[in-house]
Amino acid sequence: MRETKEKLDGIRKELQALSKSIKGFHQEIEKAVLEMPINPGVYHLNFFEQLRSFIQSLRETLDDGKVWLQAFNNNSKKKKGYWGMYKKHGTTFGLSNERTIATQAG
């Protein structure tokens, strides 16, 4: 149990660092777009083409991740479980005849 918690904490820290990196990446992209070279050449064209393809693939991956995270966050909000519902509705939920039948083993 403790090992799992440590792994989750490590992953959370890594995700926070990734978030900060993405913000920094965004700023650098804005600089690159605004500061176009004075005498553009083939080198600049190739550089921006590769940058564009890299950002497109990154955007697709981020969009997929965003959809997955939205689904995960919505499911965790919807899944209050038995104790969440009991806390919200009290004994009217926990001692209901229908609920008793639904939670009986067997």
Protein backbone atom coordinates (compact mmCIF):
# COMPACT_ATOMS: atom_id res chain seq x y z
CA MET A 1 0.00 0.00 0.00
CA ARG A 2 2.79 2.41 0.93
CA GLU A 3 4.74 1.50 -2.20
CA THR A 4 1.72 2.28 -4.38
CA LYS A 5 1.27 5.64 -2.66
CA GLU A 6 4.95 6.48 -3.24
CA LYS A 7 4.66 5.58 -6.92
CA LEU A 8 1.54 7.75 -7.28
CA ASP A 9 3.30 10.67 -5.59
CA GLY A 10 6.24 10.28 -7.98
CA ILE A 11 3.95 10.23 -10.99
CA ARG A 12 2.07 13.31 -9.73
CA LYS A 13 5.34 15.22 -9.31
CA GLU A 14 6.42 14.21 -12.80
CA LEU A 15 3.08 15.35 -14.24
CA GLN A 16 3.43 18.72 -12.49
CA ALA A 17 6.93 19.12 -13.96
CA LEU A 18 5.55 18.21 -17.40
CA SER A 19 2.86 20.83 -17.04
CA LYS A 20 5.46 23.48 -16.28
CA SER A 21 7.57 22.32 -19.24
CA ILE A 22 4.61 22.58 -21.59
CA LYS A 23 3.99 26.17 -20.45
CA GLY A 24 7.64 27.00 -21.14
CA PHE A 25 7.44 25.27 -24.51
CA HIS A 26 4.40 27.37 -25.37
CA GLN A 27 6.31 30.57 -24.63
CA GLU A 28 9.25 29.48 -26.79
CA ILE A 29 6.94 28.66 -29.70
CA GLU A 30 5.36 32.10 -29.47
CA LYS A 31 8.83 33.68 -29.56
CA ALA A 32 9.84 31.61 -32.58
CA VAL A 33 6.69 32.59 -34.46
CA LEU A 34 6.98 36.29 -33.65
CA GLU A 35 10.72 36.57 -34.36
CA MET A 36 10.85 35.52 -37.98
CA PRO A 37 14.32 35.63 -39.59
CA ILE A 38 15.26 38.67 -41.66
CA ASN A 39 16.66 36.72 -44.64
CA PRO A 40 14.84 33.36 -44.54
CA GLY A 41 16.45 30.51 -46.40
CA VAL A 42 16.07 26.79 -46.97
CA TYR A 43 17.42 26.08 -43.48
CA HIS A 44 14.66 28.16 -41.90
CA LEU A 45 12.03 26.55 -44.10
CA ASN A 46 13.16 23.04 -43.09
CA PHE A 47 13.38 24.02 -39.43
CA PHE A 48 9.84 25.43 -39.33
CA GLU A 49 8.46 22.48 -41.32
CA GLN A 50 9.94 20.02 -38.82
CA LEU A 51 8.76 22.15 -35.91
CA ARG A 52 5.25 22.23 -37.38
CA SER A 53 5.11 18.45 -37.86
CA PHE A 54 6.44 17.88 -34.34
CA ILE A 55 3.87 20.24 -32.83
CA GLN A 56 1.05 18.63 -34.84
CA SER A 57 1.90 15.17 -33.54
CA LEU A 58 2.29 16.55 -30.03
CA ARG A 59 -1.07 18.30 -30.29
CA GLU A 60 -2.79 15.08 -31.40
CA THR A 61 -1.29 13.23 -28.44
CA LEU A 62 -2.28 16.01 -26.05
CA ASP A 63 -5.82 16.09 -27.41
CA ASP A 64 -6.12 12.33 -26.90
CA GLY A 65 -4.80 12.72 -23.37
CA LYS A 66 -7.20 15.56 -22.71
CA VAL A 67 -10.18 13.46 -23.80
CA TRP A 68 -8.99 10.58 -21.62
CA LEU A 69 -8.53 12.87 -18.61
CA GLN A 70 -11.95 14.44 -19.09
CA ALA A 71 -13.55 10.99 -19.16
CA PHE A 72 -11.59 9.94 -16.07
CA ASN A 73 -12.52 13.10 -14.16
CA ASN A 74 -16.19 12.78 -15.10
CA ASN A 75 -16.30 9.13 -14.05
CA SER A 76 -14.66 9.80 -10.71
CA LYS A 77 -17.18 12.57 -10.01
CA LYS A 78 -20.10 10.34 -10.97
CA LYS A 79 -18.87 7.38 -8.93
CA LYS A 80 -19.70 8.52 -5.46
CA GLY A 81 -20.23 4.97 -4.34
CA TYR A 82 -22.27 3.78 -1.43
CA TRP A 83 -20.61 5.91 1.25
CA GLY A 84 -20.71 9.07 -0.80
CA MET A 85 -24.43 8.66 -1.33
CA TYR A 86 -24.90 7.73 2.34
CA LYS A 87 -23.06 10.88 3.38
CA LYS A 88 -25.19 13.02 1.09
CA HIS A 89 -28.61 11.50 1.85
CA GLY A 90 -28.08 10.05 5.33
CA THR A 91 -30.17 7.27 6.77
CA THR A 92 -32.92 7.71 4.19
CA PHE A 93 -30.47 6.28 1.68
CA GLY A 94 -28.73 3.73 3.88
CA LEU A 95 -31.80 2.25 5.52
CA SER A 96 -34.06 2.31 2.48
CA ASN A 97 -35.75 -1.05 1.76
CA GLU A 98 -34.63 -0.93 -1.87
CA ARG A 99 -31.03 -0.20 -0.86
CA THR A 100 -30.98 -3.02 1.67
CA ILE A 101 -32.01 -5.53 -1.00
CA ALA A 102 -29.46 -4.14 -3.45
CA THR A 103 -26.54 -4.42 -1.00
CA GLN A 104 -27.33 -7.86 0.45
CA ALA A 105 -24.82 -10.56 -0.34
CA GLY A 106 -25.92 -13.51 -2.36
